[in-house]
């Protein structure tokens, strides 16, 4: 399984609007692509920047082929929605990780 992580740095001036929009609309845009098995959303509590909030979302993907399909067919449109709505008040960067196991 692949973890597709995006970290968002959100200016305080748009934080409440972004958080509502992200949870009510944007996460569903990702899931509606049918490329993901599910998602985990969290607030980053380390590396706090004044005037900013940082969040991370991890989407679970069954394999590289499916992730490539997402990036080739859906990613640009989803990113454009964010840019059109919030401009540079919200910045995001993504990383991909191979899931190696769970431990408890």
N, C-alpha and C. Protein backbone atom coordinates (compact mmCIF):
# COMPACT_ATOMS: atom_id res chain seq x y z
N UNK A 1 0.85 -1.18 0.00
CA UNK A 1 0.00 0.00 0.00
C UNK A 1 0.89 1.23 0.00
N UNK A 2 0.39 2.29 -0.62
CA UNK A 2 1.08 3.57 -0.70
C UNK A 2 0.32 4.59 0.15
N UNK A 3 1.06 5.43 0.86
CA UNK A 3 0.48 6.56 1.58
C UNK A 3 0.81 7.81 0.79
N UNK A 4 -0.22 8.52 0.37
CA UNK A 4 -0.05 9.78 -0.35
C UNK A 4 -0.38 10.89 0.64
N UNK A 5 0.65 11.58 1.10
CA UNK A 5 0.52 12.59 2.15
C UNK A 5 0.60 13.98 1.55
N UNK A 6 -0.31 14.86 1.96
CA UNK A 6 -0.20 16.27 1.62
C UNK A 6 -0.25 17.07 2.90
N UNK A 7 0.72 17.96 3.06
CA UNK A 7 0.78 18.87 4.19
C UNK A 7 0.36 20.25 3.71
N UNK A 8 -0.52 20.88 4.45
CA UNK A 8 -1.03 22.21 4.10
C UNK A 8 -0.62 23.19 5.20
N UNK A 9 -0.09 24.33 4.78
CA UNK A 9 0.22 25.43 5.69
C UNK A 9 -0.80 26.52 5.38
N UNK A 10 -1.60 26.87 6.40
CA UNK A 10 -2.78 27.72 6.20
C UNK A 10 -2.63 29.00 7.01
N UNK A 11 -2.76 30.15 6.36
CA UNK A 11 -2.71 31.42 7.07
C UNK A 11 -3.92 31.54 8.00
N UNK A 12 -3.70 32.13 9.16
CA UNK A 12 -4.79 32.31 10.13
C UNK A 12 -5.97 33.07 9.53
N UNK A 13 -5.70 33.99 8.61
CA UNK A 13 -6.77 34.83 8.04
C UNK A 13 -7.81 34.02 7.27
N UNK A 14 -7.45 32.84 6.78
CA UNK A 14 -8.40 32.01 6.03
C UNK A 14 -8.63 30.65 6.71
N UNK A 15 -8.05 30.47 7.87
CA UNK A 15 -8.04 29.16 8.52
C UNK A 15 -9.43 28.55 8.68
N UNK A 16 -10.35 29.27 9.27
CA UNK A 16 -11.69 28.71 9.53
C UNK A 16 -12.41 28.37 8.24
N UNK A 17 -12.36 29.27 7.25
CA UNK A 17 -13.00 29.00 5.95
C UNK A 17 -12.37 27.79 5.28
N UNK A 18 -11.03 27.74 5.29
CA UNK A 18 -10.33 26.62 4.65
C UNK A 18 -10.69 25.30 5.34
N UNK A 19 -10.65 25.27 6.65
CA UNK A 19 -10.91 24.03 7.38
C UNK A 19 -12.30 23.49 7.08
N UNK A 20 -13.30 24.34 7.09
CA UNK A 20 -14.67 23.92 6.76
C UNK A 20 -14.74 23.40 5.33
N UNK A 21 -14.20 24.17 4.39
CA UNK A 21 -14.21 23.77 2.98
C UNK A 21 -13.46 22.46 2.77
N UNK A 22 -12.30 22.33 3.41
CA UNK A 22 -11.48 21.15 3.23
C UNK A 22 -12.22 19.90 3.71
N UNK A 23 -12.80 19.96 4.90
CA UNK A 23 -13.48 18.79 5.46
C UNK A 23 -14.79 18.48 4.74
N UNK A 24 -15.52 19.52 4.33
CA UNK A 24 -16.84 19.29 3.72
C UNK A 24 -16.79 19.04 2.22
N UNK A 25 -15.77 19.58 1.53
CA UNK A 25 -15.74 19.46 0.07
C UNK A 25 -14.47 18.81 -0.47
N UNK A 26 -13.31 19.32 -0.06
CA UNK A 26 -12.08 18.94 -0.73
C UNK A 26 -11.69 17.49 -0.49
N UNK A 27 -11.83 17.00 0.73
CA UNK A 27 -11.52 15.59 0.99
C UNK A 27 -12.41 14.71 0.11
N UNK A 28 -13.66 15.08 -0.02
CA UNK A 28 -14.57 14.29 -0.85
C UNK A 28 -14.17 14.31 -2.32
N UNK A 29 -13.60 15.43 -2.79
CA UNK A 29 -13.09 15.48 -4.16
C UNK A 29 -12.05 14.40 -4.39
N UNK A 30 -11.15 14.23 -3.43
CA UNK A 30 -10.14 13.18 -3.53
C UNK A 30 -10.80 11.80 -3.53
N UNK A 31 -11.69 11.57 -2.58
CA UNK A 31 -12.29 10.25 -2.43
C UNK A 31 -13.19 9.90 -3.62
N UNK A 32 -13.83 10.91 -4.21
CA UNK A 32 -14.70 10.67 -5.36
C UNK A 32 -13.95 10.16 -6.58
N UNK A 33 -12.64 10.31 -6.61
CA UNK A 33 -11.86 9.80 -7.74
C UNK A 33 -11.82 8.28 -7.74
N UNK A 34 -12.17 7.66 -6.64
CA UNK A 34 -12.14 6.19 -6.47
C UNK A 34 -10.71 5.64 -6.52
N UNK A 35 -9.72 6.51 -6.37
CA UNK A 35 -8.32 6.07 -6.38
C UNK A 35 -7.84 5.72 -4.98
N UNK A 36 -8.58 6.11 -3.95
CA UNK A 36 -8.12 5.96 -2.58
C UNK A 36 -9.01 5.01 -1.79
N UNK A 37 -8.40 4.29 -0.88
CA UNK A 37 -9.12 3.36 -0.02
C UNK A 37 -9.68 4.06 1.22
N UNK A 38 -9.12 5.21 1.56
CA UNK A 38 -9.55 5.96 2.73
C UNK A 38 -8.54 7.06 3.01
N UNK A 39 -8.76 7.78 4.11
CA UNK A 39 -7.90 8.91 4.44
C UNK A 39 -7.81 9.09 5.95
N UNK A 40 -6.73 9.75 6.36
CA UNK A 40 -6.51 10.12 7.77
C UNK A 40 -6.09 11.58 7.77
N UNK A 41 -6.74 12.41 8.60
CA UNK A 41 -6.51 13.85 8.62
C UNK A 41 -6.06 14.25 10.01
N UNK A 42 -5.05 15.12 10.09
CA UNK A 42 -4.58 15.57 11.39
C UNK A 42 -3.98 16.96 11.35
N UNK A 43 -3.87 17.56 12.51
CA UNK A 43 -3.25 18.86 12.67
C UNK A 43 -1.82 18.64 13.15
N UNK A 44 -0.88 19.31 12.51
CA UNK A 44 0.53 19.22 12.90
C UNK A 44 0.74 20.10 14.12
N UNK A 45 1.27 19.54 15.19
CA UNK A 45 1.45 20.28 16.44
C UNK A 45 2.91 20.62 16.72
N UNK A 46 3.80 20.15 15.88
CA UNK A 46 5.21 20.53 16.00
C UNK A 46 5.52 21.57 14.93
N UNK A 47 6.60 22.28 15.07
CA UNK A 47 7.02 23.28 14.08
C UNK A 47 5.94 24.33 13.85
N UNK A 48 5.43 24.88 14.91
CA UNK A 48 4.37 25.89 14.82
C UNK A 48 4.96 27.21 14.33
N UNK A 49 4.30 27.78 13.32
CA UNK A 49 4.69 29.08 12.77
C UNK A 49 3.67 30.13 13.20
N UNK A 50 4.12 31.28 13.69
CA UNK A 50 3.16 32.33 14.06
C UNK A 50 2.30 32.73 12.86
N UNK A 51 1.00 32.85 13.10
CA UNK A 51 0.08 33.26 12.05
C UNK A 51 -0.32 32.16 11.09
N UNK A 52 0.07 30.92 11.38
CA UNK A 52 -0.19 29.80 10.49
C UNK A 52 -0.68 28.59 11.28
N UNK A 53 -1.43 27.74 10.60
CA UNK A 53 -1.80 26.42 11.11
C UNK A 53 -1.35 25.41 10.06
N UNK A 54 -0.93 24.24 10.50
CA UNK A 54 -0.45 23.22 9.58
C UNK A 54 -1.22 21.94 9.78
N UNK A 55 -1.64 21.34 8.66
CA UNK A 55 -2.42 20.11 8.66
C UNK A 55 -1.78 19.10 7.71
N UNK A 56 -2.10 17.84 7.96
CA UNK A 56 -1.62 16.77 7.09
C UNK A 56 -2.77 15.81 6.82
N UNK A 57 -2.86 15.40 5.57
CA UNK A 57 -3.83 14.36 5.22
C UNK A 57 -3.08 13.24 4.50
N UNK A 58 -3.40 12.02 4.90
CA UNK A 58 -2.81 10.85 4.27
C UNK A 58 -3.92 10.05 3.60
N UNK A 59 -3.74 9.80 2.32
CA UNK A 59 -4.67 8.97 1.56
C UNK A 59 -4.02 7.61 1.35
N UNK A 60 -4.81 6.57 1.47
CA UNK A 60 -4.32 5.21 1.31
C UNK A 60 -4.61 4.73 -0.11
N UNK A 61 -3.57 4.28 -0.80
CA UNK A 61 -3.67 3.89 -2.20
C UNK A 61 -3.16 2.46 -2.32
N UNK A 62 -3.87 1.62 -3.10
CA UNK A 62 -3.47 0.21 -3.16
C UNK A 62 -2.15 -0.02 -3.86
N UNK A 63 -1.80 0.82 -4.88
CA UNK A 63 -0.54 0.58 -5.59
C UNK A 63 -0.12 1.82 -6.37
N UNK A 64 1.10 1.77 -6.92
CA UNK A 64 1.66 2.89 -7.67
C UNK A 64 0.84 3.22 -8.92
N UNK A 65 0.33 2.21 -9.58
CA UNK A 65 -0.47 2.42 -10.79
C UNK A 65 -1.68 3.28 -10.49
N UNK A 66 -2.37 2.98 -9.40
CA UNK A 66 -3.55 3.75 -9.01
C UNK A 66 -3.16 5.18 -8.65
N UNK A 67 -2.05 5.35 -7.95
CA UNK A 67 -1.60 6.69 -7.61
C UNK A 67 -1.24 7.48 -8.88
N UNK A 68 -0.59 6.83 -9.82
CA UNK A 68 -0.28 7.49 -11.09
C UNK A 68 -1.55 7.90 -11.82
N UNK A 69 -2.58 7.06 -11.79
CA UNK A 69 -3.86 7.41 -12.42
C UNK A 69 -4.45 8.65 -11.77
N UNK A 70 -4.37 8.72 -10.44
CA UNK A 70 -4.86 9.90 -9.73
C UNK A 70 -4.09 11.15 -10.17
N UNK A 71 -2.77 11.06 -10.14
CA UNK A 71 -1.95 12.23 -10.48
C UNK A 71 -2.15 12.66 -11.93
N UNK A 72 -2.32 11.72 -12.83
CA UNK A 72 -2.48 12.05 -14.25
C UNK A 72 -3.88 12.54 -14.62
N UNK A 73 -4.90 12.10 -13.88
CA UNK A 73 -6.28 12.39 -14.27
C UNK A 73 -7.05 13.35 -13.37
N UNK A 74 -6.61 13.52 -12.12
CA UNK A 74 -7.43 14.28 -11.17
C UNK A 74 -6.69 15.36 -10.39
N UNK A 75 -5.40 15.20 -10.19
CA UNK A 75 -4.67 16.07 -9.26
C UNK A 75 -4.72 17.54 -9.66
N UNK A 76 -4.49 17.85 -10.91
CA UNK A 76 -4.44 19.26 -11.34
C UNK A 76 -5.77 19.96 -11.06
N UNK A 77 -6.87 19.31 -11.34
CA UNK A 77 -8.18 19.92 -11.10
C UNK A 77 -8.40 20.18 -9.61
N UNK A 78 -8.03 19.23 -8.77
CA UNK A 78 -8.19 19.40 -7.33
C UNK A 78 -7.30 20.54 -6.83
N UNK A 79 -6.07 20.60 -7.31
CA UNK A 79 -5.16 21.68 -6.91
C UNK A 79 -5.69 23.04 -7.37
N UNK A 80 -6.26 23.09 -8.57
CA UNK A 80 -6.79 24.36 -9.09
C UNK A 80 -7.93 24.89 -8.23
N UNK A 81 -8.77 24.01 -7.72
CA UNK A 81 -9.86 24.44 -6.83
C UNK A 81 -9.30 25.14 -5.60
N UNK A 82 -8.25 24.57 -5.02
CA UNK A 82 -7.62 25.17 -3.84
C UNK A 82 -7.05 26.54 -4.18
N UNK A 83 -6.33 26.63 -5.28
CA UNK A 83 -5.70 27.90 -5.67
C UNK A 83 -6.76 28.95 -5.98
N UNK A 84 -7.83 28.58 -6.68
CA UNK A 84 -8.87 29.54 -7.01
C UNK A 84 -9.57 30.07 -5.77
N UNK A 85 -9.73 29.21 -4.79
CA UNK A 85 -10.47 29.61 -3.59
C UNK A 85 -9.60 30.37 -2.59
N UNK A 86 -8.32 29.97 -2.42
CA UNK A 86 -7.50 30.53 -1.35
C UNK A 86 -6.19 31.16 -1.81
N UNK A 87 -5.89 31.10 -3.10
CA UNK A 87 -4.67 31.72 -3.60
C UNK A 87 -3.44 31.21 -2.88
N UNK A 88 -2.58 32.13 -2.47
CA UNK A 88 -1.35 31.75 -1.78
C UNK A 88 -1.51 31.75 -0.26
N UNK A 89 -2.74 31.87 0.23
CA UNK A 89 -2.98 31.83 1.68
C UNK A 89 -2.90 30.41 2.22
N UNK A 90 -2.94 29.43 1.32
CA UNK A 90 -2.79 28.02 1.68
C UNK A 90 -1.75 27.41 0.75
N UNK A 91 -0.72 26.86 1.33
CA UNK A 91 0.32 26.21 0.54
C UNK A 91 0.33 24.73 0.90
N UNK A 92 0.53 23.89 -0.11
CA UNK A 92 0.55 22.45 0.12
C UNK A 92 1.73 21.81 -0.56
N UNK A 93 2.22 20.74 0.05
CA UNK A 93 3.24 19.93 -0.60
C UNK A 93 2.97 18.47 -0.29
N UNK A 94 3.25 17.62 -1.26
CA UNK A 94 2.90 16.21 -1.15
C UNK A 94 4.14 15.33 -1.10
N UNK A 95 3.98 14.17 -0.49
CA UNK A 95 5.02 13.14 -0.49
C UNK A 95 4.33 11.78 -0.57
N UNK A 96 5.08 10.82 -1.03
CA UNK A 96 4.57 9.46 -1.17
C UNK A 96 5.43 8.52 -0.35
N UNK A 97 4.77 7.60 0.34
CA UNK A 97 5.48 6.65 1.18
C UNK A 97 4.94 5.26 0.93
N UNK A 98 5.82 4.28 0.98
CA UNK A 98 5.40 2.89 0.92
C UNK A 98 5.08 2.43 2.33
N UNK A 99 3.91 1.88 2.51
CA UNK A 99 3.50 1.36 3.81
C UNK A 99 4.19 0.02 4.04
N UNK A 100 4.97 -0.07 5.10
CA UNK A 100 5.75 -1.27 5.37
C UNK A 100 5.16 -2.15 6.48
N UNK A 101 4.30 -1.58 7.29
CA UNK A 101 3.70 -2.40 8.35
C UNK A 101 3.10 -1.55 9.45
N UNK A 102 2.31 -2.18 10.28
CA UNK A 102 1.70 -1.56 11.45
C UNK A 102 2.17 -2.31 12.69
N UNK A 103 2.34 -1.60 13.78
CA UNK A 103 2.82 -2.18 15.03
C UNK A 103 2.01 -1.64 16.19
N UNK A 104 1.84 -2.45 17.22
CA UNK A 104 1.17 -1.94 18.41
C UNK A 104 1.81 -2.50 19.66
